[in-house]
Structures are given as structure tokens and as C-alpha cells.
C-alpha atoms as a PDB file:
ATOM      1  CA  UNK A   1    -142.917 -87.346-163.736  1.00  0.00           C
ATOM      2  CA  UNK A   2    -140.613 -85.636-161.186  1.00  0.00           C
ATOM      3  CA  UNK A   3    -139.344 -82.483-162.683  1.00  0.00           C
ATOM      4  CA  UNK A   4    -135.483 -83.751-163.189  1.00  0.00           C
ATOM      5  CA  UNK A   5    -137.050 -86.843-164.724  1.00  0.00           C
ATOM      6  CA  UNK A   6    -139.043 -84.801-167.206  1.00  0.00           C
ATOM      7  CA  UNK A   7    -135.725 -82.273-168.266  1.00  0.00           C
ATOM      8  CA  UNK A   8    -133.687 -85.708-169.014  1.00  0.00           C
ATOM      9  CA  UNK A   9    -136.589 -86.985-171.079  1.00  0.00           C
ATOM     10  CA  UNK A  10    -136.733 -83.772-173.020  1.00  0.00           C
ATOM     11  CA  UNK A  11    -132.767 -83.494-173.427  1.00  0.00           C
ATOM     12  CA  UNK A  12    -132.705 -87.268-174.784  1.00  0.00           C
ATOM     13  CA  UNK A  13    -135.537 -86.433-177.369  1.00  0.00           C
ATOM     14  CA  UNK A  14    -133.383 -83.294-178.509  1.00  0.00           C
ATOM     15  CA  UNK A  15    -130.079 -84.668-178.548  1.00  0.00           C
ATOM     16  CA  UNK A  16    -130.628 -88.379-178.970  1.00  0.00           C
ATOM     17  CA  UNK A  17    -128.653 -89.063-176.007  1.00  0.00           C
ATOM     18  CA  UNK A  18    -129.269 -91.056-172.624  1.00  0.00           C
ATOM     19  CA  UNK A  19    -127.845 -88.793-169.748  1.00  0.00           C
ATOM     20  CA  UNK A  20    -127.503 -89.864-165.799  1.00  0.00           C
ATOM     21  CA  UNK A  21    -128.573 -87.160-163.173  1.00  0.00           C
ATOM     22  CA  UNK A  22    -126.113 -84.879-162.567  1.00  0.00           C
ATOM     23  CA  UNK A  23    -125.049 -82.560-159.496  1.00  0.00           C
ATOM     24  CA  UNK A  24    -122.759 -79.403-159.518  1.00  0.00           C
ATOM     25  CA  UNK A  25    -120.520 -78.944-156.879  1.00  0.00           C
ATOM     26  CA  UNK A  26    -118.372 -76.140-155.851  1.00  0.00           C
ATOM     27  CA  UNK A  27    -115.369 -75.464-153.613  1.00  0.00           C
ATOM     28  CA  UNK A  28    -112.545 -72.932-152.934  1.00  0.00           C
ATOM     29  CA  UNK A  29    -108.981 -73.669-153.741  1.00  0.00           C
ATOM     30  CA  UNK A  30    -105.964 -71.290-153.272  1.00  0.00           C
ATOM     31  CA  UNK A  31    -103.919 -70.341-155.913  1.00  0.00           C
ATOM     32  CA  UNK A  32    -100.811 -71.917-154.307  1.00  0.00           C
ATOM     33  CA  UNK A  33    -102.870 -75.282-155.568  1.00  0.00           C
ATOM     34  CA  UNK A  34    -103.880 -74.311-158.947  1.00  0.00           C
ATOM     35  CA  UNK A  35    -100.507 -75.824-160.668  1.00  0.00           C
ATOM     36  CA  UNK A  36    -101.100 -79.252-158.858  1.00  0.00           C
ATOM     37  CA  UNK A  37    -105.084 -79.145-160.126  1.00  0.00           C
ATOM     38  CA  UNK A  38    -104.437 -77.941-163.509  1.00  0.00           C
ATOM     39  CA  UNK A  39    -101.577 -80.686-164.321  1.00  0.00           C
ATOM     40  CA  UNK A  40    -103.727 -83.150-162.581  1.00  0.00           C
ATOM     41  CA  UNK A  41    -106.863 -82.196-165.226  1.00  0.00           C
ATOM     42  CA  UNK A  42    -104.636 -82.026-167.963  1.00  0.00           C
ATOM     43  CA  UNK A  43    -103.006 -85.736-167.292  1.00  0.00           C
ATOM     44  CA  UNK A  44    -106.598 -86.936-166.993  1.00  0.00           C
ATOM     45  CA  UNK A  45    -107.813 -85.259-169.725  1.00  0.00           C
ATOM     46  CA  UNK A  46    -104.495 -86.801-171.819  1.00  0.00           C
ATOM     47  CA  UNK A  47    -105.260 -90.351-170.349  1.00  0.00           C
ATOM     48  CA  UNK A  48    -108.850 -90.671-170.601  1.00  0.00           C
ATOM     49  CA  UNK A  49    -109.040 -88.727-173.882  1.00  0.00           C
ATOM     50  CA  UNK A  50    -109.087 -84.923-174.424  1.00  0.00           C
ATOM     51  CA  UNK A  51    -113.121 -85.220-175.155  1.00  0.00           C
ATOM     52  CA  UNK A  52    -113.959 -86.187-171.978  1.00  0.00           C
ATOM     53  CA  UNK A  53    -115.113 -83.434-169.449  1.00  0.00           C
ATOM     54  CA  UNK A  54    -113.473 -81.949-166.413  1.00  0.00           C
ATOM     55  CA  UNK A  55    -116.087 -84.003-163.769  1.00  0.00           C
ATOM     56  CA  UNK A  56    -114.894 -87.326-165.739  1.00  0.00           C
ATOM     57  CA  UNK A  57    -111.196 -86.482-165.342  1.00  0.00           C
ATOM     58  CA  UNK A  58    -112.093 -85.564-161.828  1.00  0.00           C
ATOM     59  CA  UNK A  59    -113.709 -88.714-161.064  1.00  0.00           C
ATOM     60  CA  UNK A  60    -111.026 -90.864-162.831  1.00  0.00           C
ATOM     61  CA  UNK A  61    -108.579 -88.582-160.604  1.00  0.00           C
ATOM     62  CA  UNK A  62    -110.491 -89.717-157.236  1.00  0.00           C
ATOM     63  CA  UNK A  63    -111.353 -93.117-158.305  1.00  0.00           C
ATOM     64  CA  UNK A  64    -107.494 -94.020-158.948  1.00  0.00           C
ATOM     65  CA  UNK A  65    -106.707 -92.185-155.461  1.00  0.00           C
ATOM     66  CA  UNK A  66    -109.292 -94.657-153.783  1.00  0.00           C
ATOM     67  CA  UNK A  67    -108.058 -97.177-155.595  1.00  0.00           C
ATOM     68  CA  UNK A  68    -104.603 -97.083-154.796  1.00  0.00           C
ATOM     69  CA  UNK A  69    -105.159 -95.971-151.247  1.00  0.00           C
ATOM     70  CA  UNK A  70    -107.777 -99.183-150.635  1.00  0.00           C
ATOM     71  CA  UNK A  71    -104.971-101.742-152.290  1.00  0.00           C
ATOM     72  CA  UNK A  72    -103.149-102.446-149.290  1.00  0.00           C
ATOM     73  CA  UNK A  73    -106.650-102.944-147.140  1.00  0.00           C
ATOM     74  CA  UNK A  74    -107.428-105.502-149.789  1.00  0.00           C
ATOM     75  CA  UNK A  75    -110.107-103.852-151.307  1.00  0.00           C
ATOM     76  CA  UNK A  76    -110.557-104.587-154.805  1.00  0.00           C
ATOM     77  CA  UNK A  77    -113.872-104.142-155.092  1.00  0.00           C
ATOM     78  CA  UNK A  78    -113.051-100.115-155.659  1.00  0.00           C
ATOM     79  CA  UNK A  79    -110.310-101.284-158.043  1.00  0.00           C
ATOM     80  CA  UNK A  80    -112.681-102.913-160.203  1.00  0.00           C
ATOM     81  CA  UNK A  81    -115.011-100.079-160.184  1.00  0.00           C
ATOM     82  CA  UNK A  82    -111.985 -97.424-161.138  1.00  0.00           C
ATOM     83  CA  UNK A  83    -111.088 -99.603-163.694  1.00  0.00           C
ATOM     84  CA  UNK A  84    -114.394-100.562-165.652  1.00  0.00           C
ATOM     85  CA  UNK A  85    -115.572 -96.768-165.558  1.00  0.00           C
ATOM     86  CA  UNK A  86    -111.924 -95.552-167.096  1.00  0.00           C
ATOM     87  CA  UNK A  87    -112.302 -98.481-169.744  1.00  0.00           C
ATOM     88  CA  UNK A  88    -115.835 -98.167-170.202  1.00  0.00           C
ATOM     89  CA  UNK A  89    -116.883-101.609-169.618  1.00  0.00           C
ATOM     90  CA  UNK A  90    -119.328-103.582-167.415  1.00  0.00           C
ATOM     91  CA  UNK A  91    -118.448-105.489-164.856  1.00  0.00           C
END
């Protein structure tokens, strides 16, 4: 069994929750960008529910952007994907 699968199985046994693979990302932002990022994060948290992680809020912000950016090109798949993730339903 691969190491990551083993870690997930241990976490599942200890917490009783199924987890999906994850990855940490790091990037530099300028101080002048922080107000916009923090406001977006707060808005994402209030829309998605305050118990959601910052990673989930970032995913929703990105999905919202992609869905809106692709609407004029007729790509309804991205809109459906972002809506199902946001509302927690399966398509």
C-alpha cells in the first residue's frame, strides 16, 4: 500500500472520516494584494459557511471565476461542476 493511502487509512480509523488526497500550495503575494484576498476569503467563508476551510473557500472563488469566465464560450460543464461542489450535491 502506498504511503499516502496508508496515512489516509490511519486518519479514517482515528477520526471516522474519509479524506481525499491533499497538497499544500505556497505562493507569494504583495501587501497591496492582501486586502482583496482577505475580503474574498471572508466573503467566501460567509457564503460557504464559516466552518469551511480556507482551501475550500479558495476553491469556490476559483470555480466561480472559471464558471463566469466560461459562460460566454458556452462551457456549461464548468458551471455545473462549481455549482455541484458549492451545494454539495452529486451530478
